[in-house]
């Protein structure tokens, strides 16, 4: 009998993030507490969102609105990597990078966690920015998924290609 396997990935649902950016921009434009502050949120390239306002507090408040929209759309906040608000001319700018993929350090940490705390006979292989977990028994794979969901890792994980 062949081994059963699944992949652990960290993918970003661009459509959901785009919807969250648009909803946050609309709310910021219409909310009373943002009137006259020059607050705005927009895409800044492929992997970043830029938040601008006339004060550091308003930038952080606009970021909170964006986070609320992401949560409502089912996107993990672990994909966000916000920088520090910087003064640029008369306005503050905050660039929020969006993380995608599992970096090598996190992949090694997850692989070690599976080896140490998972059932015996589980193999975890790092393949680029994802992990392939395989085993003879499907129940062991379910145990690994449950184990990883219970841990507080600094990467948003999805489990795909379960076979």
Protein backbone atom coordinates (compact mmCIF):
# COMPACT_ATOMS: atom_id res chain seq x y z
CA UNK A 1 0.00 0.00 0.00
CA UNK A 2 1.33 3.44 -0.90
CA UNK A 3 2.01 6.14 1.67
CA UNK A 4 -0.66 8.72 2.41
CA UNK A 5 0.46 12.33 2.41
CA UNK A 6 -0.52 15.99 2.59
CA UNK A 7 1.25 19.30 2.04
CA UNK A 8 1.64 22.11 4.56
CA UNK A 9 1.64 25.48 2.80
CA UNK A 10 1.26 29.14 3.67
CA UNK A 11 -0.65 30.70 0.79
CA UNK A 12 -2.32 34.07 0.62
CA UNK A 13 -5.81 34.37 -0.83
CA UNK A 14 -5.19 37.53 -2.86
CA UNK A 15 -8.86 38.04 -3.68
CA UNK A 16 -9.85 38.05 -0.02
CA UNK A 17 -7.00 40.44 0.87
CA UNK A 18 -7.98 42.71 -2.02
CA UNK A 19 -11.59 42.71 -0.82
CA UNK A 20 -10.41 43.55 2.71
CA UNK A 21 -8.29 46.46 1.38
CA UNK A 22 -11.26 47.81 -0.60
CA UNK A 23 -13.66 47.47 2.34
CA UNK A 24 -11.18 49.13 4.72
CA UNK A 25 -10.62 51.99 2.25
CA UNK A 26 -14.37 52.53 1.95
CA UNK A 27 -14.88 52.50 5.73
CA UNK A 28 -11.94 54.87 6.31
CA UNK A 29 -13.33 57.28 3.69
CA UNK A 30 -16.76 57.36 5.34
CA UNK A 31 -16.07 57.14 9.08
CA UNK A 32 -16.46 60.33 11.09
CA UNK A 33 -13.28 59.87 13.15
CA UNK A 34 -11.18 59.71 9.96
CA UNK A 35 -12.65 62.90 8.40
CA UNK A 36 -9.94 65.46 7.63
CA UNK A 37 -7.07 63.18 8.65
CA UNK A 38 -6.04 62.24 5.13
CA UNK A 39 -6.29 58.57 6.11
CA UNK A 40 -6.15 56.10 3.24
CA UNK A 41 -5.20 52.51 2.52
CA UNK A 42 -4.11 51.11 -0.84
CA UNK A 43 -1.96 48.45 -2.47
CA UNK A 44 1.73 49.25 -2.71
CA UNK A 45 3.06 46.71 -5.20
CA UNK A 46 2.25 43.00 -5.26
CA UNK A 47 3.16 42.03 -1.68
CA UNK A 48 2.44 45.15 0.38
CA UNK A 49 -0.32 47.49 1.51
CA UNK A 50 0.36 51.13 2.40
CA UNK A 51 -1.57 53.04 5.07
CA UNK A 52 -1.30 56.84 5.22
CA UNK A 53 -2.69 59.50 7.57
CA UNK A 54 -1.67 62.81 9.18
CA UNK A 55 -0.79 61.30 12.58
CA UNK A 56 0.72 58.12 13.90
CA UNK A 57 -2.44 57.30 15.90
CA UNK A 58 -4.64 57.59 12.80
CA UNK A 59 -2.30 55.31 10.83
CA UNK A 60 -2.54 52.68 13.56
CA UNK A 61 -6.33 53.10 13.75
CA UNK A 62 -6.59 52.61 9.97
CA UNK A 63 -4.41 49.49 10.29
CA UNK A 64 -6.83 48.18 12.93
CA UNK A 65 -9.74 48.70 10.51
CA UNK A 66 -7.80 46.69 7.88
CA UNK A 67 -7.12 43.90 10.41
CA UNK A 68 -10.84 43.75 11.30
CA UNK A 69 -11.72 43.37 7.62
CA UNK A 70 -9.14 40.58 7.20
CA UNK A 71 -10.54 38.70 10.19
CA UNK A 72 -14.09 38.98 8.84
CA UNK A 73 -12.90 37.59 5.49
CA UNK A 74 -11.18 34.61 7.16
CA UNK A 75 -7.58 35.69 6.48
CA UNK A 76 -5.08 35.02 9.28
CA UNK A 77 -3.33 38.07 10.74
CA UNK A 78 -0.09 36.05 10.71
CA UNK A 79 0.34 37.01 7.04
CA UNK A 80 0.83 40.66 8.05
CA UNK A 81 4.29 42.09 8.68
CA UNK A 82 3.68 45.76 9.53
CA UNK A 83 6.63 48.12 9.65
CA UNK A 84 6.90 51.24 11.78
CA UNK A 85 4.95 54.39 10.85
CA UNK A 86 7.37 56.87 9.27
CA UNK A 87 6.90 60.58 8.75
CA UNK A 88 7.05 61.45 5.05
CA UNK A 89 6.51 65.14 4.43
CA UNK A 90 3.35 66.06 6.31
CA UNK A 91 1.91 62.55 6.55
CA UNK A 92 2.74 59.30 8.25
CA UNK A 93 3.14 56.18 6.12
CA UNK A 94 3.03 52.58 7.22
CA UNK A 95 3.94 49.78 4.82
CA UNK A 96 2.44 46.39 5.70
CA UNK A 97 4.21 43.50 3.95
CA UNK A 98 2.21 40.35 3.23
CA UNK A 99 4.06 37.10 3.99
CA UNK A 100 3.53 34.09 1.78
CA UNK A 101 5.28 30.72 1.85
CA UNK A 102 7.08 28.99 4.71
CA UNK A 103 10.64 30.22 5.22
CA UNK A 104 13.43 27.69 5.85
CA UNK A 105 13.70 28.37 9.60
CA UNK A 106 9.96 27.90 10.15
CA UNK A 107 9.96 24.78 7.94
CA UNK A 108 12.78 23.25 10.01
CA UNK A 109 10.97 24.16 13.23
CA UNK A 110 7.71 22.56 12.02
CA UNK A 111 9.57 19.47 10.77
CA UNK A 112 11.32 19.06 14.14
CA UNK A 113 7.99 19.52 15.95
CA UNK A 114 6.43 16.75 13.83
CA UNK A 115 9.37 14.41 14.50
CA UNK A 116 9.46 15.11 18.25
CA UNK A 117 5.75 15.24 19.13
CA UNK A 118 4.07 13.44 16.25
CA UNK A 119 3.41 9.71 15.90
CA UNK A 120 6.24 7.39 14.88
CA UNK A 121 6.63 6.62 11.18
CA UNK A 122 5.84 10.16 10.00
CA UNK A 123 8.15 11.69 7.41
CA UNK A 124 8.30 15.45 6.85
CA UNK A 125 10.20 16.74 3.81
CA UNK A 126 10.91 20.40 3.06
CA UNK A 127 10.12 21.17 -0.59
CA UNK A 128 10.89 24.79 -1.36
CA UNK A 129 8.43 26.94 0.61
CA UNK A 130 6.18 24.04 1.67
CA UNK A 131 6.38 20.76 3.58
CA UNK A 132 5.21 17.32 2.50
CA UNK A 133 4.16 15.04 5.35
CA UNK A 134 3.72 11.34 4.62
CA UNK A 135 2.89 8.21 6.58
CA UNK A 136 1.56 4.67 6.10
CA UNK A 137 -1.54 5.45 8.19
CA UNK A 138 -4.03 8.23 7.46
CA UNK A 139 -4.90 8.47 11.16
CA UNK A 140 -1.31 9.56 11.89
CA UNK A 141 -1.67 12.36 9.35
CA UNK A 142 -4.85 13.54 11.08
CA UNK A 143 -2.93 13.52 14.36
CA UNK A 144 -0.20 15.72 12.84
CA UNK A 145 -2.78 18.21 11.51
CA UNK A 146 -4.40 18.40 14.95
CA UNK A 147 -0.97 18.83 16.58
CA UNK A 148 0.00 21.71 14.29
CA UNK A 149 -3.37 23.45 14.64
CA UNK A 150 -2.91 23.35 18.42
CA UNK A 151 0.52 25.00 18.31
CA UNK A 152 0.97 28.77 18.13
CA UNK A 153 3.31 29.07 15.15
CA UNK A 154 4.28 32.40 13.59
CA UNK A 155 3.15 31.24 10.13
CA UNK A 156 -0.41 30.90 8.79
CA UNK A 157 -0.69 27.23 7.74
CA UNK A 158 -3.03 25.47 5.34
CA UNK A 159 -3.19 21.72 4.76
CA UNK A 160 -3.67 20.74 1.10
CA UNK A 161 -3.33 17.75 -1.28
CA UNK A 162 -4.52 15.25 1.32
CA UNK A 163 -4.33 11.78 -0.26
